[in-house]
């Protein structure tokens, strides 16, 4: 490692969220002499362009992340991951202790029920699956790794929105696949919900603005939202 890199400010952002991308852009602009690195889990094949450096893939647990922090002379780690990415957030805490690196946590605050919201609040994805009434038409707004859990509900029609085409067919017996990112306005999401005759939405309380439009659309249409809460 060159001597000048040891005195250079190096910030590692655990990203994958809109907030992390915005933060990277702000830090690159505010700190032209610093090294700004955003780490992505690698689930999206073609992520949106990011300012600064980008690395993709896991670190190999706590020790792997601690080694990366030390080898790259990271001076600050910022956890701006998805609120439900609990394992990497837990690893970040332990790795920073091992490496002696300051940790800043920027977790989105959960959405709060507003007047007109019809939420069915549950604690787990299993409870969400069981709360879906028979013959419902459900927008399943979850990560691809959680879709298979709903395969047992052959009495439900699912609409699944994914950024990338799945590498293997979805296990859901009755479903439609919509490729693309969440709509950026309630009007766009309303069109999707109406076009597919959606009766319910299943999602996790991830918070943030990027995916809130579907919640606003559901409120306007009076649709129930089966909302999986965060662990306390």
Protein backbone atom coordinates (compact mmCIF):
# COMPACT_ATOMS: atom_id res chain seq x y z
CA UNK A 1 0.00 0.00 0.00
CA UNK A 2 1.52 3.37 -1.01
CA UNK A 3 2.43 5.63 1.86
CA UNK A 4 0.12 8.43 0.68
CA UNK A 5 -2.90 6.07 0.74
CA UNK A 6 -2.41 5.56 4.47
CA UNK A 7 -3.03 9.26 5.16
CA UNK A 8 -5.78 9.65 2.54
CA UNK A 9 -9.35 9.69 3.77
CA UNK A 10 -11.06 6.51 2.59
CA UNK A 11 -14.78 6.02 3.13
CA UNK A 12 -16.51 2.72 2.50
CA UNK A 13 -20.28 2.86 2.01
CA UNK A 14 -22.29 -0.32 2.38
CA UNK A 15 -24.87 0.52 -0.25
CA UNK A 16 -27.54 -0.83 -2.52
CA UNK A 17 -30.13 1.83 -1.64
CA UNK A 18 -31.09 5.13 -3.23
CA UNK A 19 -29.88 6.89 -0.10
CA UNK A 20 -26.45 5.26 -0.40
CA UNK A 21 -26.15 6.35 -4.04
CA UNK A 22 -27.05 9.93 -3.11
CA UNK A 23 -24.55 9.86 -0.25
CA UNK A 24 -21.76 8.64 -2.54
CA UNK A 25 -22.46 11.49 -4.95
CA UNK A 26 -22.43 14.04 -2.13
CA UNK A 27 -19.17 12.72 -0.66
CA UNK A 28 -17.40 12.62 -4.03
CA UNK A 29 -18.37 16.26 -4.62
CA UNK A 30 -17.54 17.42 -1.08
CA UNK A 31 -14.28 15.49 -0.68
CA UNK A 32 -12.39 15.54 -4.00
CA UNK A 33 -9.21 14.25 -2.37
CA UNK A 34 -10.88 11.32 -0.64
CA UNK A 35 -11.40 7.78 -1.86
CA UNK A 36 -15.12 6.97 -1.81
CA UNK A 37 -16.03 3.31 -2.27
CA UNK A 38 -19.56 1.90 -2.47
CA UNK A 39 -19.99 -1.82 -1.83
CA UNK A 40 -22.92 -3.60 -3.47
CA UNK A 41 -24.18 -7.09 -2.66
CA UNK A 42 -24.24 -7.94 -6.36
CA UNK A 43 -27.88 -9.09 -6.62
CA UNK A 44 -28.69 -6.60 -9.40
CA UNK A 45 -26.97 -7.44 -12.69
CA UNK A 46 -26.81 -3.87 -13.99
CA UNK A 47 -27.01 -1.45 -11.04
CA UNK A 48 -27.50 2.24 -11.67
CA UNK A 49 -24.24 4.19 -12.14
CA UNK A 50 -22.61 5.40 -8.93
CA UNK A 51 -20.12 8.15 -8.17
CA UNK A 52 -16.72 7.06 -6.90
CA UNK A 53 -15.45 3.50 -6.80
CA UNK A 54 -17.75 0.48 -6.79
CA UNK A 55 -17.11 -3.05 -5.56
CA UNK A 56 -19.55 -5.91 -5.88
CA UNK A 57 -20.03 -9.10 -3.88
CA UNK A 58 -19.67 -10.22 -0.29
CA UNK A 59 -16.68 -9.80 1.99
CA UNK A 60 -16.62 -13.25 3.54
CA UNK A 61 -18.13 -12.51 6.92
CA UNK A 62 -16.85 -10.38 9.77
CA UNK A 63 -13.18 -11.27 9.37
CA UNK A 64 -13.31 -10.71 5.62
CA UNK A 65 -14.81 -7.26 6.06
CA UNK A 66 -12.32 -6.38 8.79
CA UNK A 67 -9.45 -7.44 6.51
CA UNK A 68 -10.84 -5.30 3.69
CA UNK A 69 -11.05 -2.29 6.00
CA UNK A 70 -7.45 -2.72 7.08
CA UNK A 71 -6.01 -3.54 3.66
CA UNK A 72 -7.67 -0.51 2.09
CA UNK A 73 -6.88 1.84 5.00
CA UNK A 74 -10.56 2.67 5.39
CA UNK A 75 -10.97 5.61 7.76
CA UNK A 76 -14.77 5.45 8.07
CA UNK A 77 -17.46 2.88 7.31
CA UNK A 78 -21.01 4.04 6.60
CA UNK A 79 -23.79 1.47 6.74
CA UNK A 80 -26.48 2.68 4.32
CA UNK A 81 -27.84 -0.74 3.43
CA UNK A 82 -31.46 -1.84 3.25
CA UNK A 83 -33.03 -1.92 6.74
CA UNK A 84 -33.71 -5.65 6.36
CA UNK A 85 -30.10 -6.47 5.39
CA UNK A 86 -29.51 -7.44 8.99
CA UNK A 87 -26.55 -9.79 8.51
CA UNK A 88 -24.27 -7.29 6.78
CA UNK A 89 -25.23 -4.61 9.31
CA UNK A 90 -24.36 -6.94 12.19
CA UNK A 91 -21.09 -7.87 10.46
CA UNK A 92 -20.25 -4.19 10.04
CA UNK A 93 -20.49 -3.57 13.77
CA UNK A 94 -18.18 -6.47 14.62
CA UNK A 95 -15.74 -5.78 11.77
CA UNK A 96 -15.32 -2.15 12.75
CA UNK A 97 -14.51 -3.22 16.30
CA UNK A 98 -11.88 -5.64 15.01
CA UNK A 99 -10.35 -3.15 12.61
CA UNK A 100 -10.68 -0.10 14.85
CA UNK A 101 -12.65 1.81 12.21
CA UNK A 102 -15.41 4.30 13.08
CA UNK A 103 -18.89 3.16 12.02
CA UNK A 104 -21.73 5.46 11.02
CA UNK A 105 -25.18 3.91 10.68
CA UNK A 106 -27.69 5.56 8.37
CA UNK A 107 -30.76 3.36 8.55
CA UNK A 108 -34.02 4.58 7.07
CA UNK A 109 -36.78 5.27 9.55
CA UNK A 110 -39.83 3.03 9.06
CA UNK A 111 -42.92 4.28 7.29
CA UNK A 112 -45.66 5.42 9.64
CA UNK A 113 -49.30 4.60 9.03
CA UNK A 114 -51.15 7.63 7.69
CA UNK A 115 -54.84 8.47 7.74
CA UNK A 116 -56.49 6.37 5.06
CA UNK A 117 -53.90 3.58 5.15
CA UNK A 118 -55.32 0.07 5.43
CA UNK A 119 -52.40 -1.90 6.84
CA UNK A 120 -52.45 -5.47 8.04
CA UNK A 121 -49.31 -5.48 10.17
CA UNK A 122 -47.43 -8.75 10.66
CA UNK A 123 -44.05 -9.71 12.06
CA UNK A 124 -42.77 -12.25 9.54
CA UNK A 125 -43.01 -13.14 5.87
CA UNK A 126 -44.69 -16.40 6.87
CA UNK A 127 -47.40 -14.44 8.65
CA UNK A 128 -47.74 -12.22 5.58
CA UNK A 129 -48.23 -15.28 3.37
CA UNK A 130 -50.90 -16.67 5.70
CA UNK A 131 -52.72 -13.32 5.92
CA UNK A 132 -53.47 -13.25 2.18
CA UNK A 133 -57.14 -14.12 1.61
CA UNK A 134 -58.09 -16.77 -0.97
CA UNK A 135 -58.48 -15.60 -4.59
CA UNK A 136 -56.58 -12.37 -3.89
CA UNK A 137 -54.52 -10.64 -6.59
CA UNK A 138 -51.33 -9.60 -4.85
CA UNK A 139 -48.48 -7.28 -5.77
CA UNK A 140 -45.55 -9.07 -4.15
CA UNK A 141 -43.10 -6.22 -3.53
CA UNK A 142 -40.23 -8.26 -2.08
CA UNK A 143 -36.69 -9.26 -2.98
CA UNK A 144 -36.34 -12.25 -5.30
CA UNK A 145 -34.88 -14.39 -2.49
CA UNK A 146 -38.22 -14.26 -0.64
CA UNK A 147 -40.57 -15.17 -3.49
CA UNK A 148 -40.40 -18.94 -3.05
CA UNK A 149 -41.95 -18.70 0.41
CA UNK A 150 -45.30 -17.87 -1.22
CA UNK A 151 -45.33 -20.86 -3.59
CA UNK A 152 -47.74 -22.78 -1.35
CA UNK A 153 -50.49 -20.22 -2.04
CA UNK A 154 -51.84 -21.73 -5.24
CA UNK A 155 -55.16 -20.01 -4.56
CA UNK A 156 -53.63 -16.56 -5.10
CA UNK A 157 -52.55 -14.69 -8.24
CA UNK A 158 -49.25 -12.89 -7.69
CA UNK A 159 -47.77 -10.01 -9.62
CA UNK A 160 -44.01 -9.94 -9.06
CA UNK A 161 -41.92 -6.90 -9.96
CA UNK A 162 -38.21 -7.51 -10.43
CA UNK A 163 -35.37 -5.40 -11.82
CA UNK A 164 -33.74 -8.36 -13.60
CA UNK A 165 -35.23 -11.35 -15.36
CA UNK A 166 -34.87 -14.29 -12.93
CA UNK A 167 -32.23 -16.86 -13.84
CA UNK A 168 -34.66 -19.68 -13.09
CA UNK A 169 -38.47 -19.72 -13.40
CA UNK A 170 -40.33 -18.43 -10.36
CA UNK A 171 -41.79 -21.14 -8.15
CA UNK A 172 -45.16 -19.41 -7.87
CA UNK A 173 -47.90 -21.48 -9.54
CA UNK A 174 -50.01 -18.50 -10.67
CA UNK A 175 -48.15 -15.26 -11.35
CA UNK A 176 -47.29 -12.45 -13.72
CA UNK A 177 -43.80 -10.98 -13.93
CA UNK A 178 -43.24 -7.24 -14.35
CA UNK A 179 -39.68 -6.14 -15.08
CA UNK A 180 -38.55 -2.70 -13.93
CA UNK A 181 -37.89 -0.53 -10.93
CA UNK A 182 -40.66 0.78 -8.65
CA UNK A 183 -42.60 3.73 -10.02
CA UNK A 184 -41.44 7.15 -8.90
CA UNK A 185 -44.93 8.49 -8.24
CA UNK A 186 -48.25 7.34 -6.85
CA UNK A 187 -49.81 7.96 -10.27
CA UNK A 188 -47.45 5.49 -11.95
CA UNK A 189 -48.00 2.88 -9.25
CA UNK A 190 -51.75 3.38 -9.42
CA UNK A 191 -51.70 2.52 -13.12
CA UNK A 192 -49.85 -0.72 -12.36
CA UNK A 193 -52.24 -1.69 -9.58
CA UNK A 194 -55.30 -1.02 -11.73
CA UNK A 195 -53.86 -2.72 -14.83
CA UNK A 196 -53.32 -5.95 -12.88
CA UNK A 197 -56.53 -5.67 -10.79
CA UNK A 198 -54.45 -5.82 -7.61
CA UNK A 199 -56.47 -6.40 -4.43
CA UNK A 200 -53.59 -6.53 -1.90
CA UNK A 201 -49.94 -5.54 -1.58
CA UNK A 202 -47.37 -7.51 0.41
CA UNK A 203 -44.22 -5.61 1.35
CA UNK A 204 -41.76 -4.99 4.16
CA UNK A 205 -41.57 -1.71 6.06
CA UNK A 206 -38.32 -0.64 4.44
CA UNK A 207 -38.94 3.08 4.84
CA UNK A 208 -37.47 5.72 2.55
CA UNK A 209 -38.88 7.61 -0.41
CA UNK A 210 -37.74 5.37 -3.27
CA UNK A 211 -40.45 2.73 -2.84
CA UNK A 212 -43.11 4.68 -0.98
CA UNK A 213 -45.18 5.48 -4.08
CA UNK A 214 -46.91 2.09 -3.94
CA UNK A 215 -48.02 2.83 -0.37
CA UNK A 216 -49.49 6.15 -1.48
CA UNK A 217 -51.21 4.46 -4.42
CA UNK A 218 -52.69 1.80 -2.15
CA UNK A 219 -53.98 4.52 0.17
CA UNK A 220 -55.66 6.34 -2.71
CA UNK A 221 -57.25 3.13 -4.01
CA UNK A 222 -58.20 1.85 -0.54
CA UNK A 223 -56.20 -1.36 -0.96
CA UNK A 224 -55.01 -3.39 2.03
CA UNK A 225 -51.24 -3.54 2.51
CA UNK A 226 -49.89 -6.56 4.35
CA UNK A 227 -46.90 -4.89 6.01
CA UNK A 228 -44.04 -6.88 7.47
CA UNK A 229 -42.52 -4.91 10.36
CA UNK A 230 -38.92 -4.72 11.47
CA UNK A 231 -37.51 -6.73 14.31
CA UNK A 232 -37.02 -4.63 17.40
